[in-house]
Amino acid sequence: MKLTKSQLIQLVAEQHNLTRQEAETVVSAVFGNITQALEHGDRVELRGFGAFSVRLRPAREGRNPKTGELVSIPEKRTPFFKAGKEMRRRVDS
């Protein structure tokens, strides 16, 4: 099953007796704060769930698949998620 943001909002609203608008505010605030922390290079750890961090991918040379021409790819920061022990245990069972 694929869980979309709107489905998550609906689940939060039902499980915590909130209106859909209140649940949407909560879910958006959590995602927004995680995103903002990552933008600043911080690490976000949710015990039992996992940790979000930013990894630096160094500059490298690549190839244009159409022409085979060498292309310079600049370094970039990418988000990274590492599942926690509890999450891995539950998924594995």
N, C-alpha and C. Protein backbone atom coordinates (compact mmCIF):
# COMPACT_ATOMS: atom_id res chain seq x y z
N MET A 1 0.84 -1.19 0.00
CA MET A 1 0.00 0.00 0.00
C MET A 1 0.88 1.25 0.00
N LYS A 2 0.49 2.19 -0.77
CA LYS A 2 1.18 3.47 -0.85
C LYS A 2 0.41 4.47 0.00
N LEU A 3 1.11 5.19 0.88
CA LEU A 3 0.47 6.16 1.76
C LEU A 3 0.82 7.56 1.27
N THR A 4 -0.18 8.30 0.82
CA THR A 4 0.05 9.66 0.36
C THR A 4 -0.09 10.64 1.53
N LYS A 5 0.33 11.87 1.31
CA LYS A 5 0.23 12.88 2.36
C LYS A 5 -1.22 13.09 2.77
N SER A 6 -2.13 13.12 1.82
CA SER A 6 -3.55 13.33 2.16
C SER A 6 -4.10 12.15 2.95
N GLN A 7 -3.64 10.93 2.65
CA GLN A 7 -4.08 9.77 3.43
C GLN A 7 -3.51 9.83 4.84
N LEU A 8 -2.27 10.29 4.98
CA LEU A 8 -1.66 10.45 6.30
C LEU A 8 -2.44 11.47 7.11
N ILE A 9 -2.81 12.57 6.49
CA ILE A 9 -3.60 13.61 7.17
C ILE A 9 -4.92 13.03 7.64
N GLN A 10 -5.57 12.24 6.80
CA GLN A 10 -6.85 11.62 7.17
C GLN A 10 -6.67 10.68 8.35
N LEU A 11 -5.61 9.86 8.34
CA LEU A 11 -5.35 8.94 9.45
C LEU A 11 -5.09 9.68 10.76
N VAL A 12 -4.31 10.74 10.70
CA VAL A 12 -4.02 11.53 11.90
C VAL A 12 -5.32 12.14 12.44
N ALA A 13 -6.14 12.66 11.55
CA ALA A 13 -7.41 13.26 11.96
C ALA A 13 -8.31 12.24 12.65
N GLU A 14 -8.41 11.04 12.08
CA GLU A 14 -9.27 10.00 12.64
C GLU A 14 -8.74 9.47 13.97
N GLN A 15 -7.43 9.22 14.04
CA GLN A 15 -6.85 8.60 15.23
C GLN A 15 -6.76 9.55 16.43
N HIS A 16 -6.78 10.85 16.17
CA HIS A 16 -6.61 11.81 17.26
C HIS A 16 -7.79 12.76 17.40
N ASN A 17 -8.91 12.41 16.80
CA ASN A 17 -10.14 13.21 16.88
C ASN A 17 -9.90 14.68 16.56
N LEU A 18 -9.24 14.92 15.43
CA LEU A 18 -8.97 16.27 14.95
C LEU A 18 -9.76 16.51 13.68
N THR A 19 -9.97 17.78 13.37
CA THR A 19 -10.57 18.09 12.08
C THR A 19 -9.49 17.86 11.02
N ARG A 20 -9.91 17.72 9.80
CA ARG A 20 -8.94 17.52 8.71
C ARG A 20 -7.99 18.71 8.63
N GLN A 21 -8.50 19.92 8.84
CA GLN A 21 -7.68 21.13 8.78
C GLN A 21 -6.62 21.13 9.89
N GLU A 22 -7.00 20.72 11.09
CA GLU A 22 -6.04 20.66 12.21
C GLU A 22 -4.96 19.62 11.93
N ALA A 23 -5.37 18.45 11.42
CA ALA A 23 -4.42 17.39 11.12
C ALA A 23 -3.47 17.83 10.01
N GLU A 24 -3.99 18.53 9.02
CA GLU A 24 -3.15 19.01 7.94
C GLU A 24 -2.11 20.00 8.46
N THR A 25 -2.51 20.85 9.39
CA THR A 25 -1.59 21.81 10.00
C THR A 25 -0.47 21.08 10.74
N VAL A 26 -0.82 20.05 11.49
CA VAL A 26 0.17 19.28 12.25
C VAL A 26 1.15 18.58 11.31
N VAL A 27 0.63 17.86 10.33
CA VAL A 27 1.49 17.11 9.39
C VAL A 27 2.39 18.07 8.62
N SER A 28 1.85 19.17 8.14
CA SER A 28 2.65 20.14 7.40
C SER A 28 3.72 20.77 8.28
N ALA A 29 3.39 21.02 9.55
CA ALA A 29 4.37 21.59 10.48
C ALA A 29 5.52 20.62 10.71
N VAL A 30 5.23 19.35 10.89
CA VAL A 30 6.29 18.35 11.11
C VAL A 30 7.18 18.26 9.89
N PHE A 31 6.59 18.10 8.71
CA PHE A 31 7.38 18.01 7.48
C PHE A 31 8.18 19.30 7.25
N GLY A 32 7.55 20.44 7.50
CA GLY A 32 8.21 21.73 7.31
C GLY A 32 9.42 21.89 8.22
N ASN A 33 9.28 21.48 9.48
CA ASN A 33 10.39 21.61 10.42
C ASN A 33 11.53 20.65 10.08
N ILE A 34 11.20 19.46 9.63
CA ILE A 34 12.25 18.52 9.20
C ILE A 34 12.99 19.10 8.00
N THR A 35 12.25 19.61 7.03
CA THR A 35 12.85 20.20 5.83
C THR A 35 13.72 21.40 6.18
N GLN A 36 13.23 22.25 7.06
CA GLN A 36 13.98 23.45 7.46
C GLN A 36 15.28 23.06 8.17
N ALA A 37 15.23 22.06 9.03
CA ALA A 37 16.44 21.60 9.71
C ALA A 37 17.46 21.07 8.71
N LEU A 38 17.00 20.31 7.73
CA LEU A 38 17.90 19.77 6.72
C LEU A 38 18.50 20.88 5.86
N GLU A 39 17.72 21.92 5.57
CA GLU A 39 18.23 23.06 4.81
C GLU A 39 19.40 23.71 5.53
N HIS A 40 19.37 23.70 6.86
CA HIS A 40 20.44 24.30 7.66
C HIS A 40 21.58 23.31 7.93
N GLY A 41 21.47 22.11 7.38
CA GLY A 41 22.52 21.12 7.55
C GLY A 41 22.42 20.34 8.85
N ASP A 42 21.31 20.49 9.58
CA ASP A 42 21.12 19.78 10.83
C ASP A 42 20.66 18.35 10.58
N ARG A 43 20.77 17.53 11.62
CA ARG A 43 20.31 16.14 11.57
C ARG A 43 19.04 16.05 12.39
N VAL A 44 18.05 15.31 11.91
CA VAL A 44 16.79 15.14 12.63
C VAL A 44 16.65 13.67 12.97
N GLU A 45 16.55 13.37 14.27
CA GLU A 45 16.43 11.98 14.71
C GLU A 45 15.10 11.77 15.42
N LEU A 46 14.35 10.79 14.94
CA LEU A 46 13.07 10.41 15.55
C LEU A 46 13.25 9.01 16.12
N ARG A 47 13.41 8.90 17.44
CA ARG A 47 13.70 7.62 18.07
C ARG A 47 12.68 6.56 17.67
N GLY A 48 13.19 5.39 17.30
CA GLY A 48 12.33 4.29 16.90
C GLY A 48 11.91 4.35 15.43
N PHE A 49 12.08 5.51 14.81
CA PHE A 49 11.69 5.66 13.41
C PHE A 49 12.92 5.74 12.51
N GLY A 50 13.77 6.74 12.76
CA GLY A 50 14.97 6.88 11.95
C GLY A 50 15.55 8.27 12.03
N ALA A 51 16.55 8.51 11.22
CA ALA A 51 17.23 9.80 11.23
C ALA A 51 17.35 10.35 9.81
N PHE A 52 17.11 11.64 9.69
CA PHE A 52 17.27 12.35 8.44
C PHE A 52 18.54 13.18 8.54
N SER A 53 19.34 13.17 7.49
CA SER A 53 20.55 13.98 7.46
C SER A 53 20.81 14.42 6.03
N VAL A 54 21.84 15.23 5.88
CA VAL A 54 22.22 15.72 4.55
C VAL A 54 23.61 15.16 4.24
N ARG A 55 23.76 14.64 3.04
CA ARG A 55 25.05 14.13 2.60
C ARG A 55 25.54 14.96 1.42
N LEU A 56 26.85 15.16 1.39
CA LEU A 56 27.46 15.92 0.31
C LEU A 56 27.93 14.96 -0.77
N ARG A 57 27.44 15.17 -1.97
CA ARG A 57 27.90 14.38 -3.13
C ARG A 57 28.95 15.21 -3.84
N PRO A 58 30.17 14.71 -3.95
CA PRO A 58 31.25 15.51 -4.55
C PRO A 58 31.02 15.74 -6.06
N ALA A 59 31.72 16.76 -6.56
CA ALA A 59 31.66 17.05 -8.00
C ALA A 59 32.26 15.86 -8.74
N ARG A 60 31.76 15.64 -9.95
CA ARG A 60 32.27 14.51 -10.73
C ARG A 60 32.05 14.78 -12.21
N GLU A 61 32.63 13.91 -13.00
CA GLU A 61 32.45 13.98 -14.45
C GLU A 61 31.43 12.91 -14.86
N GLY A 62 30.49 13.29 -15.69
CA GLY A 62 29.50 12.35 -16.20
C GLY A 62 29.48 12.42 -17.71
N ARG A 63 28.59 11.68 -18.30
CA ARG A 63 28.46 11.69 -19.76
C ARG A 63 27.02 11.97 -20.15
N ASN A 64 26.87 12.76 -21.20
CA ASN A 64 25.57 12.99 -21.79
C ASN A 64 25.19 11.70 -22.51
N PRO A 65 24.10 11.03 -22.11
CA PRO A 65 23.78 9.74 -22.72
C PRO A 65 23.45 9.83 -24.21
N LYS A 66 23.01 10.99 -24.64
CA LYS A 66 22.64 11.14 -26.05
C LYS A 66 23.86 11.31 -26.95
N THR A 67 24.82 12.14 -26.49
CA THR A 67 25.96 12.46 -27.34
C THR A 67 27.26 11.79 -26.89
N GLY A 68 27.30 11.32 -25.65
CA GLY A 68 28.52 10.72 -25.12
C GLY A 68 29.52 11.77 -24.66
N GLU A 69 29.15 13.04 -24.75
CA GLU A 69 30.03 14.14 -24.38
C GLU A 69 30.22 14.19 -22.85
N LEU A 70 31.46 14.50 -22.40
CA LEU A 70 31.73 14.65 -20.97
C LEU A 70 31.02 15.88 -20.43
N VAL A 71 30.42 15.72 -19.25
CA VAL A 71 29.69 16.80 -18.61
C VAL A 71 30.19 16.92 -17.18
N SER A 72 30.43 18.13 -16.74
CA SER A 72 30.86 18.38 -15.37
C SER A 72 29.62 18.48 -14.49
N ILE A 73 29.57 17.66 -13.44
CA ILE A 73 28.43 17.67 -12.52
C ILE A 73 28.93 18.28 -11.21
N PRO A 74 28.36 19.41 -10.79
CA PRO A 74 28.83 20.08 -9.58
C PRO A 74 28.47 19.30 -8.32
N GLU A 75 29.17 19.61 -7.21
CA GLU A 75 28.83 18.95 -5.95
C GLU A 75 27.44 19.41 -5.51
N LYS A 76 26.78 18.54 -4.75
CA LYS A 76 25.45 18.91 -4.26
C LYS A 76 25.16 18.20 -2.96
N ARG A 77 24.24 18.77 -2.21
CA ARG A 77 23.80 18.18 -0.95
C ARG A 77 22.49 17.45 -1.21
N THR A 78 22.39 16.23 -0.70
CA THR A 78 21.17 15.45 -0.89
C THR A 78 20.66 14.94 0.46
N PRO A 79 19.33 14.86 0.63
CA PRO A 79 18.79 14.32 1.88
C PRO A 79 19.02 12.81 1.95
N PHE A 80 19.21 12.32 3.16
CA PHE A 80 19.46 10.90 3.38
C PHE A 80 18.66 10.46 4.59
N PHE A 81 18.04 9.28 4.50
CA PHE A 81 17.28 8.73 5.62
C PHE A 81 17.86 7.39 6.03
N LYS A 82 18.07 7.21 7.32
CA LYS A 82 18.52 5.92 7.83
C LYS A 82 17.48 5.44 8.83
N ALA A 83 16.89 4.29 8.55
CA ALA A 83 15.85 3.74 9.42
C ALA A 83 16.44 3.35 10.76
N GLY A 84 15.66 3.55 11.84
CA GLY A 84 16.08 3.18 13.17
C GLY A 84 15.90 1.68 13.42
N LYS A 85 16.46 1.21 14.53
CA LYS A 85 16.40 -0.22 14.86
C LYS A 85 14.96 -0.73 14.94
N GLU A 86 14.11 0.02 15.63
CA GLU A 86 12.71 -0.40 15.80
C GLU A 86 12.00 -0.49 14.44
N MET A 87 12.23 0.47 13.57
CA MET A 87 11.63 0.46 12.24
C MET A 87 12.12 -0.76 11.45
N ARG A 88 13.43 -1.00 11.45
CA ARG A 88 13.97 -2.16 10.73
C ARG A 88 13.40 -3.46 11.28
N ARG A 89 13.30 -3.57 12.60
CA ARG A 89 12.77 -4.79 13.22
C ARG A 89 11.32 -5.02 12.80
N ARG A 90 10.51 -3.98 12.82
CA ARG A 90 9.09 -4.13 12.48
C ARG A 90 8.88 -4.46 11.02
N VAL A 91 9.67 -3.86 10.15
CA VAL A 91 9.56 -4.11 8.71
C VAL A 91 10.01 -5.54 8.40
N ASP A 92 11.04 -5.99 9.09
CA ASP A 92 11.62 -7.30 8.83
C ASP A 92 10.73 -8.46 9.29
N SER A 93 9.89 -8.22 10.30
CA SER A 93 9.09 -9.33 10.83
C SER A 93 7.81 -9.58 10.06
